[in-house]
Amino acid sequence: MKILYDHQIFSIQDYGGISRYFSELMNQFYTRKQLSFELALRYSNNSNLANSVFSVHKNLFKDRNFTGKGSLLYYQNKFYSIKHIKKNDYDIIHPTYYDPYFLKYTKKPFVLTIFDMIHEIYPEYFPKGDKVSANKSNLAEKAEKIIAISQNTKKDIINFLHIDQEKIEVIYLGNSMVGNTTEDLNETQKKIIDSKYFLFIGTRQSYKNFQFFLSSILSLFEND
């Protein structure tokens, strides 16, 4: 079986959880030689792909920022993905985000990973005209199978999108560091592990509750 991964999340994110998920999947497939896959990606500045052995992408103005850079990268990659989708040289597509653009270029089945329903639960945190929820609903309805990363995400998908539960498979996120020993860590990593610290996972966007996190731990610093 051959899987085709498209460009989407690697065009959108320079770093982040979703791009980490897909890069780890492909890395494991490549390392274990379990099945074949292709990443239809021409340009990316994503940190998770920086040292990957399975991608032949190039950086695009990595150290320069200018108006339109994101759009330029996205649409260059979109055309590149479409070119590969049209070849039909694969058995299944696993889109890396929710843009349904690929549907009109192939009749092959696709599987969709849904990480959460944040856009549906907290729509007030996203700009008007945001298409993520509508696109997600469209793809969820047409997908051959849906992967949810938790039982709670599965429940939210059923409640918000009214998808048959039999179509949804819960596959928990893994940890690429499982099995590592302290000998596998560099000196900086060892110092962090041996230190007292608070770890906040995620960006500082409003719905991540970063301000609430800070206010919650403030008293601990005051009493130190």
Protein backbone atom coordinates (compact mmCIF):
# COMPACT_ATOMS: atom_id res chain seq x y z
CA MET A 1 0.00 0.00 0.00
CA LYS A 2 1.16 3.51 -0.80
CA ILE A 3 0.01 6.62 1.05
CA LEU A 4 0.11 10.14 -0.36
CA TYR A 5 0.52 12.96 2.16
CA ASP A 6 -0.17 16.46 0.89
CA HIS A 7 1.49 19.78 1.64
CA GLN A 8 -1.04 21.56 3.82
CA ILE A 9 0.26 21.58 7.39
CA PHE A 10 3.87 21.91 6.27
CA SER A 11 2.90 25.02 4.35
CA ILE A 12 1.00 26.49 7.31
CA GLN A 13 3.26 25.64 10.26
CA ASP A 14 6.94 26.34 10.84
CA TYR A 15 6.51 24.25 13.97
CA GLY A 16 3.56 22.76 15.82
CA GLY A 17 1.82 19.65 17.03
CA ILE A 18 0.03 18.65 13.83
CA SER A 19 3.15 18.90 11.66
CA ARG A 20 5.01 16.96 14.36
CA TYR A 21 2.36 14.23 14.19
CA PHE A 22 2.68 13.79 10.42
CA SER A 23 6.47 14.04 10.35
CA GLU A 24 6.72 11.36 13.07
CA LEU A 25 4.32 9.09 11.18
CA MET A 26 6.35 9.34 8.01
CA ASN A 27 9.61 8.94 9.86
CA GLN A 28 8.39 5.70 11.44
CA PHE A 29 7.13 4.38 8.11
CA TYR A 30 10.45 5.24 6.50
CA THR A 31 12.54 3.72 9.30
CA ARG A 32 10.55 0.51 9.66
CA LYS A 33 9.91 0.07 5.92
CA GLN A 34 6.34 -0.96 6.73
CA LEU A 35 4.77 0.62 3.67
CA SER A 36 5.53 3.17 1.00
CA PHE A 37 4.47 6.79 1.07
CA GLU A 38 5.10 10.08 -0.65
CA LEU A 39 5.05 13.62 0.72
CA ALA A 40 3.93 15.98 -2.05
CA LEU A 41 5.81 19.01 -0.81
CA ARG A 42 8.08 21.39 -2.69
CA TYR A 43 8.88 24.13 -0.15
CA SER A 44 8.70 24.29 3.63
CA ASN A 45 10.39 26.00 6.56
CA ASN A 46 8.93 23.54 9.05
CA SER A 47 11.32 22.65 11.86
CA ASN A 48 10.01 19.08 12.14
CA LEU A 49 11.19 18.40 8.60
CA ALA A 50 14.53 20.19 8.98
CA ASN A 51 16.60 17.00 9.22
CA SER A 52 14.17 14.51 7.72
CA VAL A 53 15.49 11.80 5.43
CA PHE A 54 12.16 11.17 3.71
CA SER A 55 11.45 14.65 2.31
CA VAL A 56 13.21 16.37 -0.59
CA HIS A 57 11.62 19.79 -0.04
CA LYS A 58 13.53 23.05 -0.08
CA ASN A 59 13.37 26.08 2.21
CA LEU A 60 11.70 29.21 0.89
CA PHE A 61 13.09 32.56 2.11
CA LYS A 62 13.52 30.97 5.54
CA ASP A 63 15.24 33.97 7.16
CA ARG A 64 13.20 36.65 5.40
CA ASN A 65 9.71 37.88 6.22
CA PHE A 66 7.60 39.89 3.82
CA THR A 67 3.95 40.42 2.98
CA GLY A 68 2.60 37.53 0.97
CA LYS A 69 5.33 35.05 1.90
CA GLY A 70 2.88 32.61 3.49
CA SER A 71 0.50 32.74 0.54
CA LEU A 72 3.34 32.30 -1.95
CA LEU A 73 4.59 29.21 -0.14
CA TYR A 74 1.10 27.76 0.27
CA TYR A 75 0.02 28.08 -3.34
CA GLN A 76 3.33 26.90 -4.76
CA ASN A 77 2.92 23.77 -2.67
CA LYS A 78 -0.76 23.40 -3.48
CA PHE A 79 -0.02 23.26 -7.22
CA TYR A 80 2.77 20.77 -6.49
CA SER A 81 0.41 18.55 -4.46
CA ILE A 82 -2.24 18.69 -7.17
CA LYS A 83 0.33 17.54 -9.72
CA HIS A 84 1.11 14.47 -7.62
CA ILE A 85 -2.54 13.81 -6.78
CA LYS A 86 -3.39 13.69 -10.49
CA LYS A 87 -0.80 10.97 -11.07
CA ASN A 88 -2.93 8.51 -9.07
CA ASP A 89 0.26 6.69 -8.09
CA TYR A 90 -0.99 5.78 -4.60
CA ASP A 91 -3.70 3.80 -2.87
CA ILE A 92 -4.93 6.28 -0.29
CA ILE A 93 -4.57 9.95 0.56
CA HIS A 94 -3.97 11.25 4.06
CA PRO A 95 -4.44 15.04 3.87
CA THR A 96 -2.48 16.90 6.52
CA TYR A 97 -5.20 19.48 7.21
CA TYR A 98 -8.78 20.26 6.22
CA ASP A 99 -8.65 21.96 2.80
CA PRO A 100 -10.84 19.78 0.52
CA TYR A 101 -9.13 21.00 -2.67
CA PHE A 102 -7.90 17.49 -3.54
CA LEU A 103 -11.38 15.97 -3.89
CA LYS A 104 -11.86 17.16 -7.46
CA TYR A 105 -8.58 15.65 -8.64
CA THR A 106 -8.95 12.05 -7.49
CA LYS A 107 -11.41 9.25 -6.83
CA LYS A 108 -9.05 7.46 -4.44
CA PRO A 109 -10.19 6.99 -0.81
CA PHE A 110 -8.78 9.16 1.95
CA VAL A 111 -8.40 8.97 5.70
CA LEU A 112 -8.73 12.08 7.86
CA THR A 113 -7.10 12.74 11.24
CA ILE A 114 -9.08 15.07 13.50
CA PHE A 115 -7.13 16.33 16.50
CA ASP A 116 -9.81 18.35 18.27
CA MET A 117 -13.00 20.34 17.77
CA ILE A 118 -11.68 23.63 19.14
CA HIS A 119 -13.01 25.65 16.19
CA GLU A 120 -16.49 24.29 16.87
CA ILE A 121 -16.37 24.57 20.67
CA TYR A 122 -14.80 28.05 20.81
CA PRO A 123 -15.74 29.79 17.53
CA GLU A 124 -15.36 33.20 19.21
CA TYR A 125 -11.58 32.77 19.20
CA PHE A 126 -11.39 32.55 15.42
CA PRO A 127 -11.93 35.22 12.75
CA LYS A 128 -15.21 35.55 10.88
CA GLY A 129 -15.02 33.76 7.58
CA ASP A 130 -12.70 31.06 8.94
CA LYS A 131 -13.35 27.95 6.85
CA VAL A 132 -11.78 25.30 9.06
CA SER A 133 -15.06 24.10 10.58
CA ALA A 134 -16.89 23.89 7.25
CA ASN A 135 -13.95 22.17 5.54
CA LYS A 136 -13.54 19.73 8.40
CA SER A 137 -17.22 18.81 8.28
CA ASN A 138 -17.07 18.32 4.51
CA LEU A 139 -14.05 16.02 4.67
CA ALA A 140 -15.33 14.11 7.70
CA GLU A 141 -18.49 13.24 5.81
CA LYS A 142 -16.60 12.00 2.74
CA ALA A 143 -13.61 10.29 4.39
CA GLU A 144 -13.28 6.53 4.22
CA LYS A 145 -12.13 6.53 7.84
CA ILE A 146 -11.54 9.14 10.54
CA ILE A 147 -8.71 8.95 13.07
CA ALA A 148 -9.39 10.67 16.40
CA ILE A 149 -6.52 11.15 18.84
CA SER A 150 -8.66 10.57 21.95
CA GLN A 151 -12.01 9.22 23.07
CA ASN A 152 -13.07 12.76 23.92
CA THR A 153 -12.26 13.96 20.42
CA LYS A 154 -14.30 11.06 19.04
CA LYS A 155 -17.22 12.08 21.24
CA ASP A 156 -16.95 15.70 20.07
CA ILE A 157 -16.84 14.62 16.41
CA ILE A 158 -20.04 12.63 16.88
CA ASN A 159 -21.78 15.48 18.73
CA PHE A 160 -20.77 18.30 16.41
CA LEU A 161 -20.51 16.59 13.02
CA HIS A 162 -23.02 13.75 13.53
CA ILE A 163 -20.63 11.15 12.15
CA ASP A 164 -21.35 7.46 12.65
CA GLN A 165 -19.13 6.24 15.49
CA GLU A 166 -18.20 3.13 13.49
CA LYS A 167 -16.39 5.37 11.04
CA ILE A 168 -14.12 6.80 13.74
CA GLU A 169 -11.04 5.00 15.03
CA VAL A 170 -9.29 6.27 18.15
CA ILE A 171 -5.50 6.08 17.82
CA TYR A 172 -3.64 7.75 20.65
CA LEU A 173 -0.59 9.89 20.03
CA GLY A 174 2.75 8.20 20.56
CA ASN A 175 6.05 9.37 21.95
CA SER A 176 9.16 9.11 19.80
CA MET A 177 11.33 9.27 22.93
CA VAL A 178 9.88 6.11 24.48
CA GLY A 179 12.72 3.73 25.27
CA ASN A 180 15.35 6.47 25.39
CA THR A 181 17.72 6.40 28.37
CA THR A 182 19.61 9.29 29.95
CA GLU A 183 22.61 8.19 27.89
CA ASP A 184 20.67 9.17 24.76
CA LEU A 185 20.27 12.78 25.96
CA ASN A 186 22.67 15.65 25.44
CA GLU A 187 24.00 17.72 28.37
CA THR A 188 21.41 20.47 27.98
CA GLN A 189 18.54 17.97 28.05
CA LYS A 190 19.97 16.30 31.15
CA LYS A 191 20.18 19.65 32.96
CA ILE A 192 16.54 20.39 32.14
CA ILE A 193 15.38 17.01 33.45
CA ASP A 194 17.35 17.49 36.67
CA SER A 195 15.89 20.98 37.21
CA LYS A 196 12.64 22.18 38.74
CA TYR A 197 10.50 23.71 36.04
CA PHE A 198 6.97 24.24 34.71
CA LEU A 199 6.27 23.02 31.20
CA PHE A 200 3.53 24.70 29.15
CA ILE A 201 2.60 22.78 26.01
CA GLY A 202 1.28 24.85 23.12
CA THR A 203 1.33 28.35 21.75
CA ARG A 204 0.18 31.42 23.68
CA GLN A 205 -2.98 31.90 21.65
CA SER A 206 -6.03 32.87 23.67
CA TYR A 207 -7.81 29.51 23.62
CA LYS A 208 -4.69 27.78 24.98
CA ASN A 209 -5.33 29.43 28.37
CA PHE A 210 -1.75 30.65 28.78
CA GLN A 211 -2.84 33.64 30.89
CA PHE A 212 -4.79 31.32 33.19
CA PHE A 213 -1.73 29.11 33.49
CA LEU A 214 0.42 32.08 34.54
CA SER A 215 -2.07 33.30 37.12
CA SER A 216 -2.39 29.77 38.52
CA ILE A 217 1.32 29.36 39.23
CA LEU A 218 2.00 32.92 40.39
CA SER A 219 1.55 32.10 44.07
CA LEU A 220 4.21 29.37 43.81
CA PHE A 221 6.79 31.96 42.75
CA GLU A 222 5.71 34.37 45.47
CA ASN A 223 6.22 31.72 48.14
CA ASP A 224 9.53 30.48 46.79
